[in-house]
Protein backbone atom coordinates (compact mmCIF):
# COMPACT_ATOMS: atom_id res chain seq x y z
CA UNK A 1 -33.85 -6.36 13.98
CA UNK A 2 -30.90 -5.16 11.76
CA UNK A 3 -27.83 -5.78 10.76
CA UNK A 4 -24.73 -4.48 12.95
CA UNK A 5 -21.67 -3.64 10.96
CA UNK A 6 -19.07 -1.69 12.39
CA UNK A 7 -16.17 -0.53 9.86
CA UNK A 8 -12.66 0.85 11.29
CA UNK A 9 -11.14 3.63 9.23
CA UNK A 10 -14.50 5.06 9.72
CA UNK A 11 -12.99 8.61 9.05
CA UNK A 12 -11.18 7.82 6.44
CA UNK A 13 -12.17 8.27 2.49
CA UNK A 14 -13.72 4.94 1.14
CA UNK A 15 -14.43 4.12 5.39
CA UNK A 16 -16.84 7.28 5.49
CA UNK A 17 -17.92 6.02 1.80
CA UNK A 18 -18.87 2.81 2.95
CA UNK A 19 -20.51 4.09 6.61
CA UNK A 20 -22.78 6.58 4.58
CA UNK A 21 -24.04 3.98 1.89
CA UNK A 22 -24.93 1.33 4.66
CA UNK A 23 -26.42 3.20 6.83
CA UNK A 24 -28.54 5.03 3.76
CA UNK A 25 -29.99 0.85 3.55
CA UNK A 26 -30.82 1.19 7.26
CA UNK A 27 -27.85 -0.48 8.06
CA UNK A 28 -26.55 -0.61 12.00
CA UNK A 29 -23.16 0.77 11.92
CA UNK A 30 -20.68 1.33 14.73
CA UNK A 31 -17.06 3.07 13.54
CA UNK A 32 -14.01 3.00 14.81
CA UNK A 33 -10.73 5.70 14.33
CA UNK A 34 -7.95 7.71 15.63
CA UNK A 35 -8.70 10.81 13.49
CA UNK A 36 -4.66 11.39 12.96
CA UNK A 37 -3.02 14.15 11.44
CA UNK A 38 -2.16 11.71 8.56
CA UNK A 39 -3.51 14.48 6.35
CA UNK A 40 -6.35 17.75 7.10
CA UNK A 41 -8.06 16.51 9.60
CA UNK A 42 -10.50 19.05 9.17
CA UNK A 43 -11.54 16.84 5.94
CA UNK A 44 -11.97 13.65 8.14
CA UNK A 45 -14.51 15.54 11.25
CA UNK A 46 -16.38 17.37 7.77
CA UNK A 47 -16.83 13.06 7.04
CA UNK A 48 -17.92 12.33 10.35
CA UNK A 49 -20.23 15.23 11.53
CA UNK A 50 -22.39 13.41 8.08
CA UNK A 51 -22.80 10.45 9.30
CA UNK A 52 -23.02 11.68 12.91
CA UNK A 53 -26.60 12.79 11.81
CA UNK A 54 -27.77 8.56 11.51
CA UNK A 55 -29.84 7.95 14.61
CA UNK A 56 -27.69 4.50 13.48
CA UNK A 57 -25.24 5.29 13.66
CA UNK A 58 -21.95 4.26 16.45
CA UNK A 59 -17.90 6.07 16.79
CA UNK A 60 -15.56 5.32 19.11
CA UNK A 61 -12.69 7.49 18.61
CA UNK A 62 -9.21 4.79 19.11
CA UNK A 63 -6.06 3.81 18.08
CA UNK A 64 -6.37 -0.26 16.50
CA UNK A 65 -3.41 -0.35 18.68
CA UNK A 66 -5.16 -0.08 22.19
CA UNK A 67 -6.31 -3.08 22.26
CA UNK A 68 -8.07 -2.23 25.33
CA UNK A 69 -10.27 -0.10 23.81
CA UNK A 70 -10.37 -1.96 20.29
CA UNK A 71 -11.93 -5.32 22.18
CA UNK A 72 -14.33 -3.46 24.44
CA UNK A 73 -15.79 -1.27 21.62
CA UNK A 74 -16.41 -5.19 19.89
CA UNK A 75 -18.00 -6.43 22.98
CA UNK A 76 -19.29 -3.74 23.61
CA UNK A 77 -21.56 -3.55 19.46
CA UNK A 78 -21.93 -7.17 19.41
CA UNK A 79 -21.53 -7.23 15.19
CA UNK A 80 -22.64 -9.57 12.82
CA UNK A 81 -19.95 -8.17 9.45
CA UNK A 82 -16.60 -6.08 11.07
CA UNK A 83 -15.16 -4.51 8.12
CA UNK A 84 -11.57 -3.32 8.41
CA UNK A 85 -10.32 -0.53 6.58
CA UNK A 86 -8.46 1.52 8.97
CA UNK A 87 -4.09 1.99 7.20
CA UNK A 88 -1.60 4.19 7.24
CA UNK A 89 -2.00 3.80 3.80
CA UNK A 90 0.62 5.90 1.58
CA UNK A 91 3.55 4.72 -0.82
CA UNK A 92 6.19 8.29 -0.24
CA UNK A 93 5.69 8.39 3.13
CA UNK A 94 6.43 5.17 4.03
CA UNK A 95 9.69 5.85 2.78
CA UNK A 96 9.94 8.18 5.42
CA UNK A 97 8.65 6.82 7.88
CA UNK A 98 8.12 3.14 8.58
CA UNK A 99 7.53 2.25 11.55
CA UNK A 100 3.90 4.44 11.71
CA UNK A 101 3.03 1.91 9.29
CA UNK A 102 4.33 -1.68 10.95
CA UNK A 103 2.39 -0.60 14.24
CA UNK A 104 -1.17 0.08 12.06
CA UNK A 105 -0.67 -1.84 10.04
CA UNK A 106 0.69 -4.87 10.96
CA UNK A 107 0.21 -5.39 14.57
CA UNK A 108 -2.79 -2.43 14.45
CA UNK A 109 -4.44 -5.40 12.13
CA UNK A 110 -3.70 -8.26 14.15
CA UNK A 111 -5.71 -6.89 17.03
CA UNK A 112 -8.66 -6.35 14.96
CA UNK A 113 -8.31 -9.78 13.53
CA UNK A 114 -7.70 -11.07 17.36
CA UNK A 115 -10.95 -9.37 18.35
CA UNK A 116 -12.99 -10.19 15.05
CA UNK A 117 -12.46 -13.57 16.41
CA UNK A 118 -13.50 -13.42 19.81
CA UNK A 119 -16.62 -12.00 18.92
CA UNK A 120 -17.83 -14.84 16.39
CA UNK A 121 -17.68 -12.57 13.50
CA UNK A 122 -20.16 -13.97 10.48
CA UNK A 123 -17.43 -11.77 8.28
CA UNK A 124 -14.46 -10.16 8.38
CA UNK A 125 -13.23 -8.11 5.30
CA UNK A 126 -9.86 -6.50 5.92
CA UNK A 127 -9.22 -3.85 2.64
CA UNK A 128 -5.91 -4.15 1.50
CA UNK A 129 -3.78 -2.73 -2.30
CA UNK A 130 -2.98 -3.41 -5.59
CA UNK A 131 -0.04 -2.15 -4.39
CA UNK A 132 0.95 -6.11 -3.20
CA UNK A 133 1.34 -6.98 -6.72
CA UNK A 134 4.61 -5.12 -6.51
CA UNK A 135 6.83 -5.94 -9.61
CA UNK A 136 5.08 -8.34 -11.53
CA UNK A 137 5.32 -7.84 -15.26
CA UNK A 138 2.19 -10.03 -16.38
CA UNK A 139 -1.03 -7.51 -16.16
CA UNK A 140 -3.53 -7.46 -15.71
CA UNK A 141 -3.34 -8.68 -12.45
CA UNK A 142 -4.92 -11.22 -10.71
CA UNK A 143 -5.86 -13.21 -7.45
CA UNK A 144 -4.31 -15.56 -7.94
CA UNK A 145 -1.14 -14.48 -9.49
CA UNK A 146 2.34 -14.43 -7.04
CA UNK A 147 3.02 -11.14 -4.85
CA UNK A 148 7.05 -12.20 -3.75
CA UNK A 149 7.83 -9.00 -4.68
CA UNK A 150 7.20 -5.60 -2.92
CA UNK A 151 8.73 -2.24 -4.04
CA UNK A 152 7.54 -0.33 -0.83
CA UNK A 153 7.10 -0.66 2.65
CA UNK A 154 2.97 -0.04 2.58
CA UNK A 155 3.36 -2.58 -0.09
CA UNK A 156 5.58 -5.08 2.30
CA UNK A 157 2.89 -4.66 5.66
CA UNK A 158 -0.53 -5.38 2.82
CA UNK A 159 1.11 -8.20 2.64
CA UNK A 160 2.72 -9.01 5.89
CA UNK A 161 -1.78 -8.53 6.85
CA UNK A 162 -2.85 -10.70 4.51
CA UNK A 163 -0.83 -12.72 5.28
CA UNK A 164 -1.77 -12.85 8.58
CA UNK A 165 -4.89 -13.40 7.82
CA UNK A 166 -4.57 -16.50 6.34
CA UNK A 167 -2.77 -18.41 9.87
CA UNK A 168 -5.41 -16.58 11.34
CA UNK A 169 -8.35 -17.61 9.45
CA UNK A 170 -7.48 -21.54 9.10
CA UNK A 171 -6.41 -21.70 12.42
CA UNK A 172 -9.61 -20.67 13.96
CA UNK A 173 -11.76 -20.85 10.83
CA UNK A 174 -12.81 -17.52 10.74
CA UNK A 175 -14.51 -15.66 7.65
CA UNK A 176 -12.69 -13.34 5.44
CA UNK A 177 -12.19 -11.82 3.03
CA UNK A 178 -9.50 -9.89 1.41
CA UNK A 179 -10.16 -6.87 -1.03
CA UNK A 180 -6.54 -5.53 -2.86
CA UNK A 181 -7.98 -1.80 -3.94
CA UNK A 182 -6.73 -0.05 -7.79
CA UNK A 183 -6.57 3.32 -6.62
CA UNK A 184 -9.91 4.52 -5.55
CA UNK A 185 -10.20 7.84 -5.89
CA UNK A 186 -13.33 10.29 -6.05
CA UNK A 187 -15.18 13.54 -3.63
CA UNK A 188 -14.71 12.97 -0.12
CA UNK A 189 -10.69 11.87 -0.86
CA UNK A 190 -7.44 11.56 0.53
CA UNK A 191 -5.14 14.66 -0.06
CA UNK A 192 -2.15 13.55 0.06
CA UNK A 193 -3.16 11.71 -3.30
CA UNK A 194 -1.82 13.13 -6.52
CA UNK A 195 -5.30 13.86 -8.16
CA UNK A 196 -6.42 16.04 -5.28
CA UNK A 197 -2.44 17.91 -5.21
CA UNK A 198 -2.88 18.26 -8.63
CA UNK A 199 -6.45 19.99 -8.56
CA UNK A 200 -5.44 22.28 -5.31
CA UNK A 201 -2.04 22.80 -6.89
CA UNK A 202 -3.71 24.20 -10.99
CA UNK A 203 -5.84 26.44 -8.14
CA UNK A 204 -3.37 28.03 -7.54
CA UNK A 205 -1.15 28.45 -11.24
CA UNK A 206 1.80 26.22 -9.50
CA UNK A 207 3.31 23.32 -10.96
CA UNK A 208 2.11 20.14 -10.63
CA UNK A 209 4.83 17.64 -10.56
CA UNK A 210 4.74 14.00 -13.06
CA UNK A 211 6.52 11.48 -12.16
CA UNK A 212 8.21 8.88 -14.84
CA UNK A 213 7.64 12.26 -17.31
CA UNK A 214 3.61 11.59 -16.90
CA UNK A 215 4.21 7.48 -18.82
CA UNK A 216 2.28 5.67 -16.50
CA UNK A 217 -1.24 4.20 -16.26
CA UNK A 218 -3.29 3.34 -13.48
CA UNK A 219 -7.10 1.62 -12.62
CA UNK A 220 -8.86 4.89 -11.54
CA UNK A 221 -11.53 3.34 -9.73
CA UNK A 222 -14.81 5.94 -8.80
CA UNK A 223 -16.08 5.38 -5.07
CA UNK A 224 -19.33 4.88 -5.45
CA UNK A 225 -17.77 1.80 -7.52
CA UNK A 226 -15.51 0.76 -4.61
CA UNK A 227 -18.85 1.15 -1.88
CA UNK A 228 -21.12 -1.00 -4.42
CA UNK A 229 -18.35 -3.86 -4.84
CA UNK A 230 -18.42 -4.08 -1.05
CA UNK A 231 -21.36 -3.87 -0.37
CA UNK A 232 -22.56 -6.71 -3.01
CA UNK A 233 -20.05 -8.12 -0.13
CA UNK A 234 -21.23 -8.61 3.42
CA UNK A 235 -22.71 -11.66 2.67
CA UNK A 236 -20.85 -13.87 0.44
CA UNK A 237 -19.24 -15.16 3.50
CA UNK A 238 -15.64 -17.60 2.36
CA UNK A 239 -16.53 -21.48 3.14
CA UNK A 240 -14.47 -24.28 2.88
CA UNK A 241 -17.67 -26.92 1.82
CA UNK A 242 -18.41 -24.05 -0.47
CA UNK A 243 -20.21 -26.51 -2.76
CA UNK A 244 -20.17 -24.24 -5.98
CA UNK A 245 -16.16 -24.32 -8.05
CA UNK A 246 -15.69 -20.70 -9.21
CA UNK A 247 -12.88 -20.45 -12.17
CA UNK A 248 -9.65 -19.10 -10.99
CA UNK A 249 -10.74 -18.45 -7.17
CA UNK A 250 -8.69 -17.31 -4.54
CA UNK A 251 -10.63 -19.40 -2.22
CA UNK A 252 -8.43 -21.05 0.49
CA UNK A 253 -7.99 -24.90 0.58
CA UNK A 254 -7.47 -24.13 3.94
CA UNK A 255 -9.25 -21.41 4.91
CA UNK A 256 -12.46 -19.51 4.97
CA UNK A 257 -10.50 -17.55 2.98
CA UNK A 258 -10.28 -15.43 0.08
CA UNK A 259 -8.78 -12.69 -2.07
CA UNK A 260 -11.14 -9.98 -4.60
CA UNK A 261 -9.48 -7.97 -6.32
CA UNK A 262 -11.44 -4.30 -6.58
CA UNK A 263 -10.96 -2.09 -10.14
CA UNK A 264 -12.51 -0.75 -12.19
CA UNK A 265 -11.11 -2.81 -14.83
CA UNK A 266 -9.89 -0.34 -16.85
CA UNK A 267 -5.77 0.65 -17.67
CA UNK A 268 -6.14 5.40 -18.18
CA UNK A 269 -3.21 6.52 -19.05
CA UNK A 270 -1.53 9.10 -16.40
CA UNK A 271 -1.23 12.32 -18.38
CA UNK A 272 -4.66 11.62 -20.12
CA UNK A 273 -6.24 11.76 -16.45
CA UNK A 274 -4.53 15.00 -16.36
CA UNK A 275 -5.74 16.04 -19.11
CA UNK A 276 -8.74 15.68 -18.02
CA UNK A 277 -8.25 17.55 -14.80
CA UNK A 278 -7.36 20.51 -17.44
CA UNK A 279 -10.75 20.43 -18.77
CA UNK A 280 -12.35 20.35 -15.99
CA UNK A 281 -11.27 22.76 -14.41
CA UNK A 282 -10.60 25.25 -17.27
CA UNK A 283 -7.03 26.27 -16.43
CA UNK A 284 -4.09 25.47 -17.80
CA UNK A 285 -1.36 23.42 -16.08
CA UNK A 286 1.69 24.08 -15.34
CA UNK A 287 4.01 20.56 -15.74
CA UNK A 288 7.22 19.38 -14.46
CA UNK A 289 8.42 16.01 -15.22
CA UNK A 290 10.41 14.28 -13.51
CA UNK A 291 11.97 10.71 -13.06
CA UNK A 292 10.25 7.37 -11.80
CA UNK A 293 9.56 8.01 -7.30
CA UNK A 294 11.15 4.73 -5.75
CA UNK A 295 8.65 2.46 -4.09
CA UNK A 296 6.27 3.50 -8.17
CA UNK A 297 4.83 1.13 -9.95
CA UNK A 298 4.82 1.45 -13.88
CA UNK A 299 1.66 0.57 -14.17
CA UNK A 300 -2.19 -1.17 -12.37
CA UNK A 301 -5.02 -2.85 -13.86
CA UNK A 302 -7.35 -5.19 -11.84
CA UNK A 303 -8.46 -8.52 -13.06
CA UNK A 304 -11.88 -7.93 -10.87
CA UNK A 305 -13.49 -10.92 -12.78
CA UNK A 306 -13.68 -12.90 -9.85
CA UNK A 307 -15.49 -10.27 -7.55
CA UNK A 308 -18.06 -10.22 -10.93
CA UNK A 309 -18.78 -13.54 -10.69
CA UNK A 310 -19.83 -14.12 -7.26
CA UNK A 311 -21.46 -10.85 -6.38
CA UNK A 312 -22.39 -9.08 -10.01
CA UNK A 313 -19.80 -5.78 -8.96
CA UNK A 314 -19.41 -4.00 -12.31
CA UNK A 315 -17.89 -0.54 -12.67
CA UNK A 316 -20.47 1.90 -14.11
CA UNK A 317 -17.72 5.43 -13.63
CA UNK A 318 -16.06 6.58 -16.75
CA UNK A 319 -12.62 7.86 -15.08
CA UNK A 320 -13.98 11.16 -16.88
CA UNK A 321 -17.10 11.50 -15.38
CA UNK A 322 -15.28 10.87 -12.30
CA UNK A 323 -12.85 13.85 -12.31
CA UNK A 324 -16.10 15.36 -13.08
CA UNK A 325 -17.89 14.85 -9.98
CA UNK A 326 -14.68 15.30 -8.23
CA UNK A 327 -14.41 19.00 -9.37
CA UNK A 328 -17.41 19.99 -9.28
CA UNK A 329 -17.31 18.29 -5.07
CA UNK A 330 -13.24 19.78 -4.05
CA UNK A 331 -14.31 23.16 -5.79
CA UNK A 332 -18.06 23.00 -3.61
CA UNK A 333 -16.28 21.82 -0.48
CA UNK A 334 -12.73 24.72 -0.28
CA UNK A 335 -15.66 27.56 -1.68
């Protein structure tokens, strides 16, 4: 019998890429997505159209806040594993529109946790973000580091959902893994992200806005590495009764709950990333240097060694290779 996995945000960037991989691996996948207009709905539909060609894929269109529809979907599909990736994304957008983040990220995630518990899933995996590390100065970021000082509303909602998940896991012994993603990029990516916007502007001959004069570092993680890491994690269910101690484990002492970083583990200078884009596109970039934006951080870098120890996760894609693949997809998709 095929493993049944429900993926929220299945028409989003990571959700689509993961769903496709699971279907290719012979899993039965049910997608749940609102298909909202935060960015180009055509791109979301293009992702969905690829998934719907698989006979083992089914789909529900709906908001996470729609309790009746969400519960009905969970109960009728009866998933063994739920991977919750649906969220209102974007650090900068959260400064202007915080209400949307409160509803989607906190209330929506709480609904997912509650109904996941009702249908007794074996493993609930929830997508979080490296932004929860906020103004931490210690690099690289480790799961056992304190995360008390988020500097964007988006990050604060992600941290809130981590706390909600832990308390629920503690009360009801629901196995939950939190994944903190580090700057995910690649084909079928999100048009609101900097590398995507840069590519569009460069090809149109427009200036690109580079914040903090480009003096920033990011742990750019290619989508295939992310998908591989999540796939390896499906059956690595956290348990309080874990026999063997793992070094620097983030496993909760009171709940079957664990937090894991998932990044490329390499710090890339933003200007180097931009220069690689310039090289691949074969066009000279017109640059506009800007001050640091509100809610932004200077550097991100993951220590993903815990995920490596648990699953054998091994990110292989160099950022130059990743940019080359993204540009190739972009030019083909947008003709």
